[in-house]
């Protein structure tokens, strides 16, 4: 099938059959409670004591209970976030010919028909590209809109800086050396997802239920539309966008390294009938040849390793050939 962009025809009156999921995969009740309990962590005083210790504990508890938290006063300038959203809006407004590119060495634009489960497509369009090493990757990013590379470069640099801060706080909470995760967080990937408004949001999804195969993911949401939902204690809870906040979630690799102390939570993206939603996800990943295993200082006779060591590229390969299995929380050796 020729690649189609949802944005081209989102004003249809009903969802086409090849976008309507089977009842077991549909989002079901869309009016779920917004989550007031996913912690919002203020990073304002993260460099000061005793405030830093309190922030470390907040993040650790959030990682244990939800696998998700939001951060405010994170240091990312508002104008950088705003400009980044604006340039992506320009990108998705371009013609299909200008957006069309599939280059395994550079950036990839994907329309809705690139995603399918049992012949059913997701209600989203996206663009993704690698971000590290930055100077090298930038040369393969989109050249349109004109300011794309300049604007996204600034955002990518901010995400790299912020991810380093957050990973240091996580290390401290786990009792690891501050730079323990530095060598395991060298790969950075950006995906911007665009979810046009949908005439029948109860029949389709922007993203199926999944866990992230990353170390951590940082998500920038826009507007008032609540599309991100997290599975917690068997129930879906909505994560409403907060002004100038970023959502952080634990990925599968961090669950393994923490030996299960932090959890990679399943989540999904739902659509709505009244507002287009755009989100920008930054995935912080190990290098392909990195060996990911429980940190040795977190393992002893009382706490044996819960996960087997794995090479990250093998995990990625598994996710490509069997996404339903690979994007679930890691399987414990003792489950």
Protein backbone atom coordinates (compact mmCIF):
# COMPACT_ATOMS: atom_id res chain seq x y z
CA UNK A 1 0.00 0.00 0.00
CA UNK A 2 1.20 3.49 -0.80
CA UNK A 3 2.28 5.38 2.31
CA UNK A 4 -0.53 7.64 3.49
CA UNK A 5 -0.45 10.49 5.95
CA UNK A 6 -3.36 10.66 8.41
CA UNK A 7 -3.17 14.45 8.26
CA UNK A 8 -4.24 14.42 4.59
CA UNK A 9 -7.72 13.10 5.29
CA UNK A 10 -8.37 13.27 9.01
CA UNK A 11 -11.65 15.16 8.45
CA UNK A 12 -13.48 11.99 7.39
CA UNK A 13 -16.74 11.32 9.21
CA UNK A 14 -15.86 7.81 10.35
CA UNK A 15 -12.73 5.73 10.91
CA UNK A 16 -11.83 3.59 7.85
CA UNK A 17 -11.99 -0.16 8.42
CA UNK A 18 -8.20 -0.56 8.24
CA UNK A 19 -7.81 1.88 11.16
CA UNK A 20 -10.42 0.26 13.39
CA UNK A 21 -8.87 -2.14 15.90
CA UNK A 22 -10.47 -5.33 17.12
CA UNK A 23 -12.39 -4.94 20.40
CA UNK A 24 -9.55 -6.44 22.44
CA UNK A 25 -7.09 -3.77 21.24
CA UNK A 26 -9.41 -0.76 21.31
CA UNK A 27 -8.84 1.88 23.99
CA UNK A 28 -12.29 1.29 25.47
CA UNK A 29 -13.47 3.91 27.95
CA UNK A 30 -11.72 7.13 26.98
CA UNK A 31 -12.95 9.22 29.89
CA UNK A 32 -10.51 7.82 32.43
CA UNK A 33 -9.32 9.71 35.50
CA UNK A 34 -6.45 12.09 34.95
CA UNK A 35 -3.62 11.11 37.22
CA UNK A 36 -3.01 13.59 39.99
CA UNK A 37 -0.72 11.13 41.73
CA UNK A 38 2.03 10.65 39.16
CA UNK A 39 4.67 12.72 40.93
CA UNK A 40 5.69 16.12 39.67
CA UNK A 41 9.32 16.61 40.63
CA UNK A 42 10.71 20.13 40.94
CA UNK A 43 14.37 20.13 39.87
CA UNK A 44 14.94 23.75 40.90
CA UNK A 45 17.19 22.85 43.83
CA UNK A 46 18.59 19.56 42.55
CA UNK A 47 22.16 20.77 43.11
CA UNK A 48 21.61 21.82 46.73
CA UNK A 49 21.53 19.84 49.96
CA UNK A 50 19.28 18.77 51.66
CA UNK A 51 16.85 19.50 48.80
CA UNK A 52 18.78 17.20 46.46
CA UNK A 53 18.31 14.21 48.74
CA UNK A 54 14.56 14.81 48.79
CA UNK A 55 14.43 15.10 44.98
CA UNK A 56 16.41 11.86 44.61
CA UNK A 57 13.90 10.07 46.83
CA UNK A 58 10.92 11.52 44.92
CA UNK A 59 12.31 10.25 41.63
CA UNK A 60 13.16 6.84 43.08
CA UNK A 61 9.70 6.40 44.57
CA UNK A 62 8.05 7.47 41.30
CA UNK A 63 10.18 4.96 39.39
CA UNK A 64 9.15 2.22 41.80
CA UNK A 65 5.44 2.94 41.89
CA UNK A 66 4.65 4.28 38.42
CA UNK A 67 7.69 4.14 36.17
CA UNK A 68 6.69 7.71 35.23
CA UNK A 69 7.06 11.22 36.63
CA UNK A 70 6.95 14.78 35.38
CA UNK A 71 9.68 17.36 35.94
CA UNK A 72 9.36 21.13 36.24
CA UNK A 73 12.02 23.81 36.58
CA UNK A 74 14.20 21.51 34.51
CA UNK A 75 16.21 24.25 32.83
CA UNK A 76 14.99 23.76 29.25
CA UNK A 77 14.16 27.28 28.00
CA UNK A 78 10.51 27.78 27.08
CA UNK A 79 11.43 29.35 23.76
CA UNK A 80 13.46 26.26 22.78
CA UNK A 81 10.45 24.00 23.40
CA UNK A 82 8.07 26.40 21.64
CA UNK A 83 10.32 26.80 18.58
CA UNK A 84 10.73 23.03 18.35
CA UNK A 85 6.98 22.44 18.32
CA UNK A 86 6.56 25.15 15.70
CA UNK A 87 9.14 23.68 13.35
CA UNK A 88 7.57 20.23 13.62
CA UNK A 89 4.16 21.70 12.84
CA UNK A 90 5.70 23.24 9.73
CA UNK A 91 7.18 19.86 8.86
CA UNK A 92 3.86 18.01 9.07
CA UNK A 93 2.18 20.79 7.04
CA UNK A 94 4.57 20.26 4.13
CA UNK A 95 3.62 18.34 1.03
CA UNK A 96 4.02 14.58 0.99
CA UNK A 97 6.75 14.93 -1.61
CA UNK A 98 8.81 17.21 0.65
CA UNK A 99 8.37 14.89 3.62
CA UNK A 100 8.99 11.68 1.74
CA UNK A 101 12.28 10.13 2.80
CA UNK A 102 13.36 6.69 3.95
CA UNK A 103 17.02 6.53 4.69
CA UNK A 104 18.36 3.97 7.14
CA UNK A 105 21.39 6.21 7.69
CA UNK A 106 19.45 9.37 8.36
CA UNK A 107 15.90 10.47 9.08
CA UNK A 108 12.69 8.58 8.43
CA UNK A 109 9.23 10.04 7.87
CA UNK A 110 6.47 7.54 8.41
CA UNK A 111 2.83 7.92 7.47
CA UNK A 112 0.04 6.00 9.13
CA UNK A 113 0.16 3.03 6.75
CA UNK A 114 3.74 2.25 7.80
CA UNK A 115 2.37 0.98 11.11
CA UNK A 116 0.15 -2.06 11.20
CA UNK A 117 -0.95 -4.76 13.58
CA UNK A 118 -3.01 -7.52 12.00
CA UNK A 119 -3.59 -5.22 9.04
CA UNK A 120 -4.82 -2.28 11.16
CA UNK A 121 -2.96 1.04 11.09
CA UNK A 122 -2.17 3.48 13.87
CA UNK A 123 -3.71 6.94 13.81
CA UNK A 124 -0.45 8.86 13.71
CA UNK A 125 2.28 10.22 11.48
CA UNK A 126 5.84 10.61 12.70
CA UNK A 127 9.36 11.66 11.90
CA UNK A 128 12.37 10.16 13.63
CA UNK A 129 16.13 10.46 13.47
CA UNK A 130 19.29 9.77 15.41
CA UNK A 131 20.89 12.58 17.40
CA UNK A 132 24.32 11.26 18.39
CA UNK A 133 26.97 12.10 17.43
CA UNK A 134 25.12 15.37 16.89
CA UNK A 135 27.30 17.11 14.32
CA UNK A 136 27.39 14.01 12.14
CA UNK A 137 23.69 13.17 12.46
CA UNK A 138 22.55 16.72 11.75
CA UNK A 139 23.89 16.51 8.22
CA UNK A 140 21.27 13.83 7.49
CA UNK A 141 18.29 15.56 9.10
CA UNK A 142 15.50 17.15 7.03
CA UNK A 143 16.51 20.32 5.20
CA UNK A 144 12.96 21.59 5.21
CA UNK A 145 11.59 23.60 6.93
CA UNK A 146 14.54 25.97 6.60
CA UNK A 147 15.11 26.31 10.35
CA UNK A 148 14.62 22.62 11.12
CA UNK A 149 18.25 21.73 11.80
CA UNK A 150 19.03 24.87 13.77
CA UNK A 151 15.95 24.61 15.99
CA UNK A 152 16.04 20.87 16.60
CA UNK A 153 19.79 20.99 17.33
CA UNK A 154 19.12 23.36 20.22
CA UNK A 155 16.39 21.08 21.57
CA UNK A 156 18.52 17.94 21.23
CA UNK A 157 21.36 19.56 23.16
CA UNK A 158 18.97 20.50 25.96
CA UNK A 159 17.63 16.94 26.12
CA UNK A 160 21.15 15.52 26.33
CA UNK A 161 22.01 17.85 29.18
CA UNK A 162 18.77 17.16 31.05
CA UNK A 163 18.97 13.40 30.60
CA UNK A 164 22.45 13.44 32.12
CA UNK A 165 21.13 15.30 35.19
CA UNK A 166 18.21 12.92 35.62
CA UNK A 167 20.36 9.81 35.23
CA UNK A 168 22.76 11.08 37.90
CA UNK A 169 19.82 11.56 40.28
CA UNK A 170 18.59 8.05 39.46
CA UNK A 171 22.06 6.63 40.11
CA UNK A 172 22.13 8.33 43.47
CA UNK A 173 18.75 6.85 44.36
CA UNK A 174 19.96 3.37 43.43
CA UNK A 175 23.21 3.76 45.35
CA UNK A 176 25.34 3.71 42.19
CA UNK A 177 28.24 5.96 41.30
CA UNK A 178 27.04 9.22 39.75
CA UNK A 179 28.46 8.39 36.30
CA UNK A 180 27.51 4.70 36.33
CA UNK A 181 24.99 5.13 33.52
CA UNK A 182 27.07 7.54 31.45
CA UNK A 183 28.58 4.90 29.17
CA UNK A 184 25.18 3.23 28.80
CA UNK A 185 23.42 6.42 27.66
CA UNK A 186 25.41 7.53 24.63
CA UNK A 187 22.74 6.96 21.98
CA UNK A 188 19.99 9.53 21.55
CA UNK A 189 16.97 9.11 19.27
CA UNK A 190 14.18 11.63 18.61
CA UNK A 191 10.68 10.77 17.44
CA UNK A 192 7.99 13.39 16.90
CA UNK A 193 4.50 11.88 16.80
CA UNK A 194 1.62 13.75 15.21
CA UNK A 195 -1.92 12.61 16.09
CA UNK A 196 -4.62 14.41 14.06
CA UNK A 197 -8.07 14.61 15.60
CA UNK A 198 -10.05 11.45 15.00
CA UNK A 199 -13.80 11.12 14.30
CA UNK A 200 -14.13 7.94 16.39
CA UNK A 201 -11.31 7.80 18.96
CA UNK A 202 -12.82 4.79 20.75
CA UNK A 203 -12.05 2.59 17.72
CA UNK A 204 -8.42 3.39 17.07
CA UNK A 205 -5.11 4.22 18.75
CA UNK A 206 -2.17 6.51 18.18
CA UNK A 207 0.18 4.01 19.84
CA UNK A 208 -0.54 0.50 21.05
CA UNK A 209 0.26 -0.57 24.60
CA UNK A 210 4.02 -0.93 24.95
CA UNK A 211 7.08 -0.36 27.09
CA UNK A 212 10.05 1.63 25.85
CA UNK A 213 13.22 -0.36 25.06
CA UNK A 214 15.28 2.64 26.21
CA UNK A 215 17.17 3.54 29.36
CA UNK A 216 14.86 6.51 29.92
CA UNK A 217 12.51 8.48 27.67
CA UNK A 218 11.78 12.19 27.97
CA UNK A 219 8.50 13.39 26.45
CA UNK A 220 7.45 16.94 25.62
CA UNK A 221 3.67 17.33 25.30
CA UNK A 222 1.78 20.27 23.87
CA UNK A 223 -1.59 21.84 24.47
CA UNK A 224 -4.43 20.54 26.60
CA UNK A 225 -5.22 17.25 24.90
CA UNK A 226 -4.50 14.28 27.14
CA UNK A 227 -3.30 11.44 24.95
CA UNK A 228 -0.72 9.65 27.09
CA UNK A 229 -2.10 6.88 29.29
CA UNK A 230 -0.13 4.72 31.73
CA UNK A 231 -1.11 1.28 33.00
CA UNK A 232 -0.86 1.24 36.79
CA UNK A 233 -2.16 -1.56 39.00
CA UNK A 234 -4.23 -2.88 36.12
CA UNK A 235 -5.94 0.45 35.37
CA UNK A 236 -5.29 3.10 32.74
CA UNK A 237 -4.55 6.57 34.07
CA UNK A 238 -4.20 9.72 31.97
CA UNK A 239 -1.16 11.98 32.17
CA UNK A 240 -2.33 15.51 31.50
CA UNK A 241 0.15 17.97 29.97
CA UNK A 242 1.40 20.49 32.52
CA UNK A 243 2.71 23.91 31.45
CA UNK A 244 6.48 23.80 30.88
CA UNK A 245 6.74 20.23 32.20
CA UNK A 246 8.43 17.17 30.71
CA UNK A 247 7.37 13.57 31.24
CA UNK A 248 10.11 11.07 32.11
CA UNK A 249 9.64 7.32 32.08
CA UNK A 250 11.78 4.34 32.99
CA UNK A 251 12.71 2.14 30.01
CA UNK A 252 13.29 -1.61 29.91
CA UNK A 253 17.07 -1.24 30.14
CA UNK A 254 16.89 0.75 33.38
CA UNK A 255 14.54 -1.83 34.90
CA UNK A 256 17.16 -4.48 34.13
CA UNK A 257 20.08 -2.42 35.47
CA UNK A 258 18.16 -1.60 38.67
CA UNK A 259 17.43 -5.33 39.08
CA UNK A 260 13.72 -4.58 39.14
CA UNK A 261 13.80 -1.79 41.71
CA UNK A 262 12.55 0.62 39.06
CA UNK A 263 9.82 -0.49 36.66
CA UNK A 264 9.22 0.04 32.98
CA UNK A 265 5.49 0.71 32.78
CA UNK A 266 3.26 -0.10 29.84
CA UNK A 267 1.67 2.95 28.22
CA UNK A 268 -0.20 3.96 25.07
CA UNK A 269 -1.43 6.99 23.13
CA UNK A 270 -5.13 7.56 22.51
CA UNK A 271 -6.68 10.01 20.07
CA UNK A 272 -9.46 12.56 20.47
CA UNK A 273 -12.11 14.14 18.25
CA UNK A 274 -11.50 17.80 19.04
CA UNK A 275 -7.78 18.62 18.89
CA UNK A 276 -4.67 17.54 17.01
CA UNK A 277 -1.92 16.46 19.40
CA UNK A 278 1.83 16.48 18.87
CA UNK A 279 4.46 15.05 21.20
CA UNK A 280 8.25 14.86 21.00
CA UNK A 281 9.97 11.85 22.54
CA UNK A 282 13.69 11.63 23.25
CA UNK A 283 14.98 8.10 23.83
CA UNK A 284 18.26 7.68 25.71
CA UNK A 285 19.70 4.28 24.80
CA UNK A 286 22.82 2.17 25.28
CA UNK A 287 25.15 1.61 22.34
CA UNK A 288 24.27 -1.46 20.28
CA UNK A 289 27.18 -3.52 21.61
CA UNK A 290 26.62 -2.60 25.25
CA UNK A 291 25.98 -5.43 27.67
CA UNK A 292 22.97 -4.61 29.84
CA UNK A 293 22.64 -6.48 33.13
CA UNK A 294 21.75 -5.83 36.76
CA UNK A 295 24.33 -3.58 38.42
CA UNK A 296 26.63 -5.78 40.46
CA UNK A 297 26.36 -3.59 43.56
CA UNK A 298 22.61 -4.23 43.55
CA UNK A 299 23.06 -8.00 43.56
CA UNK A 300 23.88 -10.20 46.55
CA UNK A 301 22.65 -13.38 48.21
CA UNK A 302 19.51 -11.69 49.41
CA UNK A 303 18.93 -9.98 46.05
CA UNK A 304 20.03 -12.34 43.27
CA UNK A 305 20.00 -11.08 39.67
CA UNK A 306 16.44 -11.04 38.36
CA UNK A 307 17.40 -10.59 34.71
CA UNK A 308 19.95 -12.22 32.43
CA UNK A 309 22.66 -10.13 30.82
CA UNK A 310 21.87 -9.18 27.23
CA UNK A 311 23.55 -7.32 24.40
CA UNK A 312 21.45 -4.26 23.58
CA UNK A 313 21.47 -4.84 19.82
CA UNK A 314 20.00 -8.32 20.43
CA UNK A 315 17.20 -6.71 22.40
CA UNK A 316 16.60 -4.29 19.53
CA UNK A 317 16.56 -7.15 17.03
CA UNK A 318 14.04 -9.02 19.14
CA UNK A 319 11.84 -5.94 19.27
CA UNK A 320 11.86 -5.78 15.47
CA UNK A 321 10.91 -9.40 14.87
CA UNK A 322 8.55 -9.78 17.85
CA UNK A 323 7.43 -6.33 19.02
CA UNK A 324 4.56 -7.64 21.16
CA UNK A 325 7.01 -9.53 23.37
CA UNK A 326 10.04 -7.25 23.32
CA UNK A 327 8.16 -4.12 24.36
CA UNK A 328 6.63 -5.69 27.47
CA UNK A 329 8.39 -5.26 30.82
CA UNK A 330 11.52 -7.43 30.97
CA UNK A 331 10.92 -11.01 32.04
CA UNK A 332 12.35 -11.89 35.39
CA UNK A 333 14.45 -15.02 35.73
CA UNK A 334 12.24 -15.94 38.66
CA UNK A 335 8.79 -15.08 37.35
